[in-house]
Amino acid sequence: MKIAIIGTGNLGSSIAKGLIKNKSFTSLYLSDRSTTAVKDFSNEEYVKITNDNAEAVKNSDVVIFALQPRHIDGVLNSVAAGIKKHHVIMSVAAGVEIARIENIIGADKNIIRVMPNTAISIGKSMTCLAANEKGESKMDLAKTIFNQLGATMVIPEEQIQAATVICASGIAFWMRLIRATTQGAIQLGFEAHEAHELAVQTCFGSASLLLESGKHPEQEIDRVTTPSGCTIEGLNAMEHQGLSSALIQGIVASFEKINHLKNS
């Protein structure tokens, strides 16, 4: 599979790392205005570095546009003539709707909107996918690529904005919760590195329990909350301070912001 990534910022680089780690291509073009941004990939087998977007498109079957929204129109216009009907065009640009891409390259092209998160670099992303009518036939291909880099979910395009908040912004939300747990552990007497390890491994274990068991979080909470015990005491104190409410409000605030950016 010949893949190109146009734009190698944080997300584009993360996708590249995941693809390289899983050897998910026969060739991989990484295209960016500044090739110094991707010099770390230059020694990878079958990886080609370029600042010529048209060259990357010409030599690839799957083209992933990992660009900021304000740049995508210009780049798409510059390569539109080279995009053929066999190409599968994927965009990870937040807030850029499929219709906007169709207006530039045509509705007769295979277009898939992709929303991963930065955990894609280690093969642990939650990636949401939505396609135009033509691109529906290539959805299995998209799932094949991104299932190697974590898990995928196919959703209607109108839910992509919400998925951006839950999955992409969600990485930052969870990082902040882990940081807070680490700070609490330090206050209880652990060294910083010990506190970090305790918090991270416990978070990983919690998520793994739910993935492996398929249970609702409350079922696992019930397993560790005993009558008059310390766990329920801590949970209730957190809820009195608005833990769940604050998290939900933060998610909704992010969703409102991303919709404001989309409509501005």
C-alpha atoms as a PDB file:
ATOM      1  CA  MET A   1       0.000   0.000   0.000  1.00  0.00           C
ATOM      2  CA  LYS A   2       1.442   3.334  -1.094  1.00  0.00           C
ATOM      3  CA  ILE A   3       0.638   6.049   1.429  1.00  0.00           C
ATOM      4  CA  ALA A   4       1.423   9.754   1.588  1.00  0.00           C
ATOM      5  CA  ILE A   5       1.044  12.078   4.557  1.00  0.00           C
ATOM      6  CA  ILE A   6       0.878  15.752   3.672  1.00  0.00           C
ATOM      7  CA  GLY A   7       1.614  17.829   6.751  1.00  0.00           C
ATOM      8  CA  THR A   8       3.864  16.389   9.449  1.00  0.00           C
ATOM      9  CA  GLY A   9       3.032  18.370  12.555  1.00  0.00           C
ATOM     10  CA  ASN A  10       2.179  16.626  15.802  1.00  0.00           C
ATOM     11  CA  LEU A  11      -0.670  14.544  14.377  1.00  0.00           C
ATOM     12  CA  GLY A  12       0.901  13.846  10.992  1.00  0.00           C
ATOM     13  CA  SER A  13       4.126  12.724  12.665  1.00  0.00           C
ATOM     14  CA  SER A  14       2.180  10.561  15.099  1.00  0.00           C
ATOM     15  CA  ILE A  15       0.413   8.813  12.217  1.00  0.00           C
ATOM     16  CA  ALA A  16       3.756   8.310  10.474  1.00  0.00           C
ATOM     17  CA  LYS A  17       5.277   6.783  13.612  1.00  0.00           C
ATOM     18  CA  GLY A  18       2.358   4.394  13.954  1.00  0.00           C
ATOM     19  CA  LEU A  19       2.532   3.327  10.306  1.00  0.00           C
ATOM     20  CA  ILE A  20       6.300   2.818  10.510  1.00  0.00           C
ATOM     21  CA  LYS A  21       6.007   0.849  13.737  1.00  0.00           C
ATOM     22  CA  ASN A  22       3.453  -1.489  12.157  1.00  0.00           C
ATOM     23  CA  LYS A  23       5.101  -1.574   8.703  1.00  0.00           C
ATOM     24  CA  SER A  24       1.713  -0.702   7.219  1.00  0.00           C
ATOM     25  CA  PHE A  25       2.895   0.342   3.737  1.00  0.00           C
ATOM     26  CA  THR A  26       5.019  -0.505   0.730  1.00  0.00           C
ATOM     27  CA  SER A  27       6.061   3.136   0.461  1.00  0.00           C
ATOM     28  CA  LEU A  28       5.417   6.173   2.633  1.00  0.00           C
ATOM     29  CA  TYR A  29       5.835   9.733   1.421  1.00  0.00           C
ATOM     30  CA  LEU A  30       6.085  12.429   4.092  1.00  0.00           C
ATOM     31  CA  SER A  31       5.567  15.863   2.614  1.00  0.00           C
ATOM     32  CA  ASP A  32       6.060  19.139   4.434  1.00  0.00           C
ATOM     33  CA  ARG A  33       7.186  22.659   3.539  1.00  0.00           C
ATOM     34  CA  SER A  34      10.168  22.136   5.833  1.00  0.00           C
ATOM     35  CA  THR A  35      11.767  18.732   5.405  1.00  0.00           C
ATOM     36  CA  THR A  36      13.836  19.368   8.534  1.00  0.00           C
ATOM     37  CA  ALA A  37      10.627  18.746  10.507  1.00  0.00           C
ATOM     38  CA  VAL A  38      10.706  15.105   9.410  1.00  0.00           C
ATOM     39  CA  LYS A  39      14.453  14.467   9.264  1.00  0.00           C
ATOM     40  CA  ASP A  40      14.100  11.841  12.015  1.00  0.00           C
ATOM     41  CA  PHE A  41      12.234   9.643   9.507  1.00  0.00           C
ATOM     42  CA  SER A  42      14.801   9.969   6.731  1.00  0.00           C
ATOM     43  CA  ASN A  43      16.620   6.735   7.581  1.00  0.00           C
ATOM     44  CA  GLU A  44      13.466   4.606   7.737  1.00  0.00           C
ATOM     45  CA  GLU A  45      13.136   1.940   5.064  1.00  0.00           C
ATOM     46  CA  TYR A  46      10.686   2.748   2.237  1.00  0.00           C
ATOM     47  CA  VAL A  47      10.076   6.247   3.647  1.00  0.00           C
ATOM     48  CA  LYS A  48      10.609   9.194   1.318  1.00  0.00           C
ATOM     49  CA  ILE A  49      10.861  12.794   2.509  1.00  0.00           C
ATOM     50  CA  THR A  50       9.783  15.613   0.210  1.00  0.00           C
ATOM     51  CA  ASN A  51       8.458  19.167   0.149  1.00  0.00           C
ATOM     52  CA  ASP A  52       6.670  18.508  -3.152  1.00  0.00           C
ATOM     53  CA  ASN A  53       3.036  17.688  -2.365  1.00  0.00           C
ATOM     54  CA  ALA A  54       2.262  16.870  -5.999  1.00  0.00           C
ATOM     55  CA  GLU A  55       5.070  14.291  -6.047  1.00  0.00           C
ATOM     56  CA  ALA A  56       3.685  12.674  -2.880  1.00  0.00           C
ATOM     57  CA  VAL A  57       0.189  12.457  -4.368  1.00  0.00           C
ATOM     58  CA  LYS A  58       1.420  11.093  -7.705  1.00  0.00           C
ATOM     59  CA  ASN A  59       3.329   8.245  -6.031  1.00  0.00           C
ATOM     60  CA  SER A  60       0.627   7.213  -3.567  1.00  0.00           C
ATOM     61  CA  ASP A  61      -2.761   5.510  -3.499  1.00  0.00           C
ATOM     62  CA  VAL A  62      -3.813   6.760  -0.061  1.00  0.00           C
ATOM     63  CA  VAL A  63      -3.205  10.425   0.753  1.00  0.00           C
ATOM     64  CA  ILE A  64      -3.642  11.628   4.324  1.00  0.00           C
ATOM     65  CA  PHE A  65      -3.956  15.388   4.694  1.00  0.00           C
ATOM     66  CA  ALA A  66      -2.798  16.182   8.243  1.00  0.00           C
ATOM     67  CA  LEU A  67      -3.061  19.942   7.953  1.00  0.00           C
ATOM     68  CA  GLN A  68      -4.452  22.792   9.983  1.00  0.00           C
ATOM     69  CA  PRO A  69      -7.864  23.893   8.699  1.00  0.00           C
ATOM     70  CA  ARG A  70      -6.563  27.246   7.471  1.00  0.00           C
ATOM     71  CA  HIS A  71      -4.047  25.538   5.186  1.00  0.00           C
ATOM     72  CA  ILE A  72      -6.056  22.696   3.704  1.00  0.00           C
ATOM     73  CA  ASP A  73      -7.891  24.616   0.976  1.00  0.00           C
ATOM     74  CA  GLY A  74      -4.692  25.986  -0.523  1.00  0.00           C
ATOM     75  CA  VAL A  75      -2.931  22.627  -0.452  1.00  0.00           C
ATOM     76  CA  LEU A  76      -5.909  20.766  -1.924  1.00  0.00           C
ATOM     77  CA  ASN A  77      -6.167  23.314  -4.731  1.00  0.00           C
ATOM     78  CA  SER A  78      -2.475  22.909  -5.493  1.00  0.00           C
ATOM     79  CA  VAL A  79      -2.708  19.116  -5.902  1.00  0.00           C
ATOM     80  CA  ALA A  80      -6.306  18.715  -7.128  1.00  0.00           C
ATOM     81  CA  ALA A  81      -5.259  18.068 -10.727  1.00  0.00           C
ATOM     82  CA  GLY A  82      -3.148  15.112  -9.590  1.00  0.00           C
ATOM     83  CA  ILE A  83      -5.893  13.432  -7.570  1.00  0.00           C
ATOM     84  CA  LYS A  84      -7.385  10.604  -9.625  1.00  0.00           C
ATOM     85  CA  LYS A  85     -10.406   8.403  -9.083  1.00  0.00           C
ATOM     86  CA  HIS A  86      -8.309   5.576  -7.642  1.00  0.00           C
ATOM     87  CA  HIS A  87      -6.953   7.777  -4.856  1.00  0.00           C
ATOM     88  CA  VAL A  88      -8.331   7.495  -1.335  1.00  0.00           C
ATOM     89  CA  ILE A  89      -8.243  10.949   0.233  1.00  0.00           C
ATOM     90  CA  MET A  90      -8.245  11.133   4.012  1.00  0.00           C
ATOM     91  CA  SER A  91      -8.399  14.330   6.042  1.00  0.00           C
ATOM     92  CA  VAL A  92      -7.654  14.736   9.730  1.00  0.00           C
ATOM     93  CA  ALA A  93      -8.166  18.517   9.668  1.00  0.00           C
ATOM     94  CA  ALA A  94     -10.479  19.395  12.556  1.00  0.00           C
ATOM     95  CA  GLY A  95     -13.689  21.097  11.503  1.00  0.00           C
ATOM     96  CA  VAL A  96     -13.132  20.640   7.759  1.00  0.00           C
ATOM     97  CA  GLU A  97     -16.257  19.012   6.372  1.00  0.00           C
ATOM     98  CA  ILE A  98     -16.308  16.532   3.517  1.00  0.00           C
ATOM     99  CA  ALA A  99     -18.400  18.937   1.413  1.00  0.00           C
ATOM    100  CA  ARG A 100     -15.593  21.499   1.625  1.00  0.00           C
ATOM    101  CA  ILE A 101     -13.115  18.959   0.279  1.00  0.00           C
ATOM    102  CA  GLU A 102     -15.545  17.838  -2.440  1.00  0.00           C
ATOM    103  CA  ASN A 103     -15.897  21.438  -3.602  1.00  0.00           C
ATOM    104  CA  ILE A 104     -12.181  21.472  -4.387  1.00  0.00           C
ATOM    105  CA  ILE A 105     -11.389  17.962  -5.663  1.00  0.00           C
ATOM    106  CA  GLY A 106     -14.853  16.738  -6.684  1.00  0.00           C
ATOM    107  CA  ALA A 107     -17.570  14.571  -5.165  1.00  0.00           C
ATOM    108  CA  ASP A 108     -16.518  11.738  -7.481  1.00  0.00           C
ATOM    109  CA  LYS A 109     -13.405  11.151  -5.350  1.00  0.00           C
ATOM    110  CA  ASN A 110     -13.063   8.750  -2.417  1.00  0.00           C
ATOM    111  CA  ILE A 111     -13.026  11.037   0.625  1.00  0.00           C
ATOM    112  CA  ILE A 112     -12.823   9.867   4.226  1.00  0.00           C
ATOM    113  CA  ARG A 113     -12.754  12.155   7.215  1.00  0.00           C
ATOM    114  CA  VAL A 114     -10.541  10.742   9.958  1.00  0.00           C
ATOM    115  CA  MET A 115     -10.327  11.792  13.590  1.00  0.00           C
ATOM    116  CA  PRO A 116      -7.555   9.975  15.488  1.00  0.00           C
ATOM    117  CA  ASN A 117      -5.649  11.117  18.557  1.00  0.00           C
ATOM    118  CA  THR A 118      -1.941  11.372  19.289  1.00  0.00           C
ATOM    119  CA  ALA A 119      -1.872   7.879  20.819  1.00  0.00           C
ATOM    120  CA  ILE A 120      -1.796   6.721  17.200  1.00  0.00           C
ATOM    121  CA  SER A 121       1.996   7.024  17.411  1.00  0.00           C
ATOM    122  CA  ILE A 122       2.077   3.977  19.706  1.00  0.00           C
ATOM    123  CA  GLY A 123      -0.810   2.101  18.062  1.00  0.00           C
ATOM    124  CA  LYS A 124      -3.363   3.001  20.753  1.00  0.00           C
ATOM    125  CA  SER A 125      -5.556   5.600  19.047  1.00  0.00           C
ATOM    126  CA  MET A 126      -9.335   5.741  19.103  1.00  0.00           C
ATOM    127  CA  THR A 127     -10.008   6.790  15.518  1.00  0.00           C
ATOM    128  CA  CYS A 128     -13.412   7.797  14.169  1.00  0.00           C
ATOM    129  CA  LEU A 129     -14.173   7.600  10.447  1.00  0.00           C
ATOM    130  CA  ALA A 130     -16.823   9.117   8.163  1.00  0.00           C
ATOM    131  CA  ALA A 131     -16.967   9.014   4.361  1.00  0.00           C
ATOM    132  CA  ASN A 132     -18.710  10.642   1.446  1.00  0.00           C
ATOM    133  CA  GLU A 133     -20.920   8.477  -0.750  1.00  0.00           C
ATOM    134  CA  LYS A 134     -18.082   7.539  -3.084  1.00  0.00           C
ATOM    135  CA  GLY A 135     -15.707   6.861  -0.214  1.00  0.00           C
ATOM    136  CA  GLU A 136     -18.014   4.380   1.526  1.00  0.00           C
ATOM    137  CA  SER A 137     -16.591   1.633  -0.681  1.00  0.00           C
ATOM    138  CA  LYS A 138     -13.116   2.366   0.742  1.00  0.00           C
ATOM    139  CA  MET A 139     -14.147   2.306   4.387  1.00  0.00           C
ATOM    140  CA  ASP A 140     -12.832  -1.231   4.910  1.00  0.00           C
ATOM    141  CA  LEU A 141      -9.454  -0.057   3.646  1.00  0.00           C
ATOM    142  CA  ALA A 142      -9.485   2.858   6.079  1.00  0.00           C
ATOM    143  CA  LYS A 143     -10.409   0.538   8.938  1.00  0.00           C
ATOM    144  CA  THR A 144      -7.612  -1.842   7.954  1.00  0.00           C
ATOM    145  CA  ILE A 145      -5.084   0.989   8.127  1.00  0.00           C
ATOM    146  CA  PHE A 146      -6.253   2.547  11.379  1.00  0.00           C
ATOM    147  CA  ASN A 147      -7.128  -0.680  13.214  1.00  0.00           C
ATOM    148  CA  GLN A 148      -3.403  -1.388  13.094  1.00  0.00           C
ATOM    149  CA  LEU A 149      -2.954   1.882  14.946  1.00  0.00           C
ATOM    150  CA  GLY A 150      -5.560   1.335  17.667  1.00  0.00           C
ATOM    151  CA  ALA A 151      -9.329   0.973  17.372  1.00  0.00           C
ATOM    152  CA  THR A 152     -11.783   2.470  14.881  1.00  0.00           C
ATOM    153  CA  MET A 153     -15.425   3.459  14.880  1.00  0.00           C
ATOM    154  CA  VAL A 154     -17.433   4.417  11.803  1.00  0.00           C
ATOM    155  CA  ILE A 155     -19.829   7.260  12.612  1.00  0.00           C
ATOM    156  CA  PRO A 156     -22.025   9.760  10.732  1.00  0.00           C
ATOM    157  CA  GLU A 157     -20.099  12.869   9.734  1.00  0.00           C
ATOM    158  CA  GLU A 158     -22.281  15.072  11.933  1.00  0.00           C
ATOM    159  CA  GLN A 159     -20.783  13.305  14.963  1.00  0.00           C
ATOM    160  CA  ILE A 160     -17.163  13.964  13.982  1.00  0.00           C
ATOM    161  CA  GLN A 161     -17.061  17.250  15.914  1.00  0.00           C
ATOM    162  CA  ALA A 162     -18.160  15.474  19.095  1.00  0.00           C
ATOM    163  CA  ALA A 163     -15.673  12.670  18.460  1.00  0.00           C
ATOM    164  CA  THR A 164     -12.915  15.282  18.162  1.00  0.00           C
ATOM    165  CA  VAL A 165     -13.686  16.436  21.689  1.00  0.00           C
ATOM    166  CA  ILE A 166     -14.022  12.965  23.220  1.00  0.00           C
ATOM    167  CA  CYS A 167     -11.066  11.315  21.477  1.00  0.00           C
ATOM    168  CA  ALA A 168      -8.595  14.019  20.444  1.00  0.00           C
ATOM    169  CA  SER A 169      -9.141  16.626  23.158  1.00  0.00           C
ATOM    170  CA  GLY A 170      -9.883  13.710  25.459  1.00  0.00           C
ATOM    171  CA  ILE A 171      -6.196  12.801  25.545  1.00  0.00           C
ATOM    172  CA  ALA A 172      -5.517  16.126  27.293  1.00  0.00           C
ATOM    173  CA  PHE A 173      -8.453  15.629  29.675  1.00  0.00           C
ATOM    174  CA  TRP A 174      -7.139  12.248  30.773  1.00  0.00           C
ATOM    175  CA  MET A 175      -3.592  13.568  31.062  1.00  0.00           C
ATOM    176  CA  ARG A 176      -4.833  16.253  33.440  1.00  0.00           C
ATOM    177  CA  LEU A 177      -6.637  13.650  35.585  1.00  0.00           C
ATOM    178  CA  ILE A 178      -3.468  11.551  35.723  1.00  0.00           C
ATOM    179  CA  ARG A 179      -1.458  14.632  36.667  1.00  0.00           C
ATOM    180  CA  ALA A 180      -3.882  15.413  39.482  1.00  0.00           C
ATOM    181  CA  THR A 181      -3.616  11.835  40.759  1.00  0.00           C
ATOM    182  CA  THR A 182       0.174  12.148  40.669  1.00  0.00           C
ATOM    183  CA  GLN A 183       0.038  15.364  42.684  1.00  0.00           C
ATOM    184  CA  GLY A 184      -2.205  13.683  45.232  1.00  0.00           C
ATOM    185  CA  ALA A 185       0.237  10.797  45.558  1.00  0.00           C
ATOM    186  CA  ILE A 186       3.115  13.208  46.137  1.00  0.00           C
ATOM    187  CA  GLN A 187       1.120  14.913  48.869  1.00  0.00           C
ATOM    188  CA  LEU A 188       0.662  11.503  50.503  1.00  0.00           C
ATOM    189  CA  GLY A 189       4.425  11.005  50.628  1.00  0.00           C
ATOM    190  CA  PHE A 190       5.549   9.367  47.390  1.00  0.00           C
ATOM    191  CA  GLU A 191       8.488  10.616  45.371  1.00  0.00           C
ATOM    192  CA  ALA A 192       7.484  12.273  42.083  1.00  0.00           C
ATOM    193  CA  HIS A 193       8.651   9.396  39.892  1.00  0.00           C
ATOM    194  CA  GLU A 194       6.913   6.877  42.127  1.00  0.00           C
ATOM    195  CA  ALA A 195       3.695   8.915  42.103  1.00  0.00           C
ATOM    196  CA  HIS A 196       3.822   9.132  38.311  1.00  0.00           C
ATOM    197  CA  GLU A 197       4.239   5.383  37.898  1.00  0.00           C
ATOM    198  CA  LEU A 198       1.438   4.640  40.369  1.00  0.00           C
ATOM    199  CA  ALA A 199      -0.971   7.012  38.619  1.00  0.00           C
ATOM    200  CA  VAL A 200      -0.172   5.938  35.053  1.00  0.00           C
ATOM    201  CA  GLN A 201      -0.257   2.193  35.701  1.00  0.00           C
ATOM    202  CA  THR A 202      -3.497   2.465  37.680  1.00  0.00           C
ATOM    203  CA  CYS A 203      -5.102   4.461  34.864  1.00  0.00           C
ATOM    204  CA  PHE A 204      -3.904   1.882  32.333  1.00  0.00           C
ATOM    205  CA  GLY A 205      -5.233  -0.937  34.498  1.00  0.00           C
ATOM    206  CA  SER A 206      -8.621   0.749  34.828  1.00  0.00           C
ATOM    207  CA  ALA A 207      -9.033   1.159  31.080  1.00  0.00           C
ATOM    208  CA  SER A 208      -7.788  -2.387  30.466  1.00  0.00           C
ATOM    209  CA  LEU A 209     -10.332  -3.803  32.908  1.00  0.00           C
ATOM    210  CA  LEU A 210     -13.171  -2.163  31.006  1.00  0.00           C
ATOM    211  CA  LEU A 211     -11.814  -3.202  27.611  1.00  0.00           C
ATOM    212  CA  GLU A 212     -11.287  -6.814  28.670  1.00  0.00           C
ATOM    213  CA  SER A 213     -14.511  -7.263  30.645  1.00  0.00           C
ATOM    214  CA  GLY A 214     -16.880  -5.067  28.656  1.00  0.00           C
ATOM    215  CA  LYS A 215     -18.366  -3.936  31.952  1.00  0.00           C
ATOM    216  CA  HIS A 216     -19.815  -0.561  32.837  1.00  0.00           C
ATOM    217  CA  PRO A 217     -17.470   1.571  34.998  1.00  0.00           C
ATOM    218  CA  GLU A 218     -19.923   1.479  37.911  1.00  0.00           C
ATOM    219  CA  GLN A 219     -19.666  -2.307  38.038  1.00  0.00           C
ATOM    220  CA  GLU A 220     -15.910  -2.061  38.542  1.00  0.00           C
ATOM    221  CA  ILE A 221     -16.374   0.787  41.035  1.00  0.00           C
ATOM    222  CA  ASP A 222     -18.728  -1.435  43.050  1.00  0.00           C
ATOM    223  CA  ARG A 223     -15.972  -4.055  43.308  1.00  0.00           C
ATOM    224  CA  VAL A 224     -13.689  -1.682  45.224  1.00  0.00           C
ATOM    225  CA  THR A 225     -16.177   0.299  47.308  1.00  0.00           C
ATOM    226  CA  THR A 226     -16.976  -1.333  50.642  1.00  0.00           C
ATOM    227  CA  PRO A 227     -19.520   0.001  53.141  1.00  0.00           C
ATOM    228  CA  SER A 228     -18.048   2.884  55.161  1.00  0.00           C
ATOM    229  CA  GLY A 229     -14.753   2.358  53.349  1.00  0.00           C
ATOM    230  CA  CYS A 230     -12.082   4.775  52.176  1.00  0.00           C
ATOM    231  CA  THR A 231     -12.917   4.444  48.465  1.00  0.00           C
ATOM    232  CA  ILE A 232     -16.524   5.592  48.767  1.00  0.00           C
ATOM    233  CA  GLU A 233     -15.388   8.346  51.132  1.00  0.00           C
ATOM    234  CA  GLY A 234     -12.986   9.620  48.489  1.00  0.00           C
ATOM    235  CA  LEU A 235     -15.478   9.268  45.630  1.00  0.00           C
ATOM    236  CA  ASN A 236     -18.151  11.173  47.508  1.00  0.00           C
ATOM    237  CA  ALA A 237     -15.716  13.942  48.420  1.00  0.00           C
ATOM    238  CA  MET A 238     -14.763  14.277  44.737  1.00  0.00           C
ATOM    239  CA  GLU A 239     -18.397  14.401  43.658  1.00  0.00           C
ATOM    240  CA  HIS A 240     -19.198  17.014  46.317  1.00  0.00           C
ATOM    241  CA  GLN A 241     -16.445  19.106  44.704  1.00  0.00           C
ATOM    242  CA  GLY A 242     -18.037  18.570  41.283  1.00  0.00           C
ATOM    243  CA  LEU A 243     -15.667  16.061  39.619  1.00  0.00           C
ATOM    244  CA  SER A 244     -18.169  14.526  37.182  1.00  0.00           C
ATOM    245  CA  SER A 245     -19.932  17.828  36.623  1.00  0.00           C
ATOM    246  CA  ALA A 246     -16.654  19.637  35.878  1.00  0.00           C
ATOM    247  CA  LEU A 247     -15.565  16.966  33.401  1.00  0.00           C
ATOM    248  CA  ILE A 248     -18.909  17.013  31.584  1.00  0.00           C
ATOM    249  CA  GLN A 249     -18.916  20.812  31.514  1.00  0.00           C
ATOM    250  CA  GLY A 250     -15.391  20.783  30.095  1.00  0.00           C
ATOM    251  CA  ILE A 251     -16.411  18.356  27.335  1.00  0.00           C
ATOM    252  CA  VAL A 252     -19.445  20.479  26.445  1.00  0.00           C
ATOM    253  CA  ALA A 253     -17.352  23.687  26.489  1.00  0.00           C
ATOM    254  CA  SER A 254     -14.857  22.123  24.071  1.00  0.00           C
ATOM    255  CA  PHE A 255     -17.710  21.013  21.821  1.00  0.00           C
ATOM    256  CA  GLU A 256     -19.200  24.509  21.791  1.00  0.00           C
ATOM    257  CA  LYS A 257     -15.788  25.975  20.986  1.00  0.00           C
ATOM    258  CA  ILE A 258     -15.117  23.638  18.076  1.00  0.00           C
ATOM    259  CA  ASN A 259     -18.542  24.417  16.617  1.00  0.00           C
ATOM    260  CA  HIS A 260     -17.866  28.132  17.010  1.00  0.00           C
ATOM    261  CA  LEU A 261     -14.575  27.747  15.132  1.00  0.00           C
ATOM    262  CA  LYS A 262     -16.338  25.766  12.415  1.00  0.00           C
ATOM    263  CA  ASN A 263     -18.979  28.455  11.907  1.00  0.00           C
ATOM    264  CA  SER A 264     -16.705  31.501  12.202  1.00  0.00           C
END
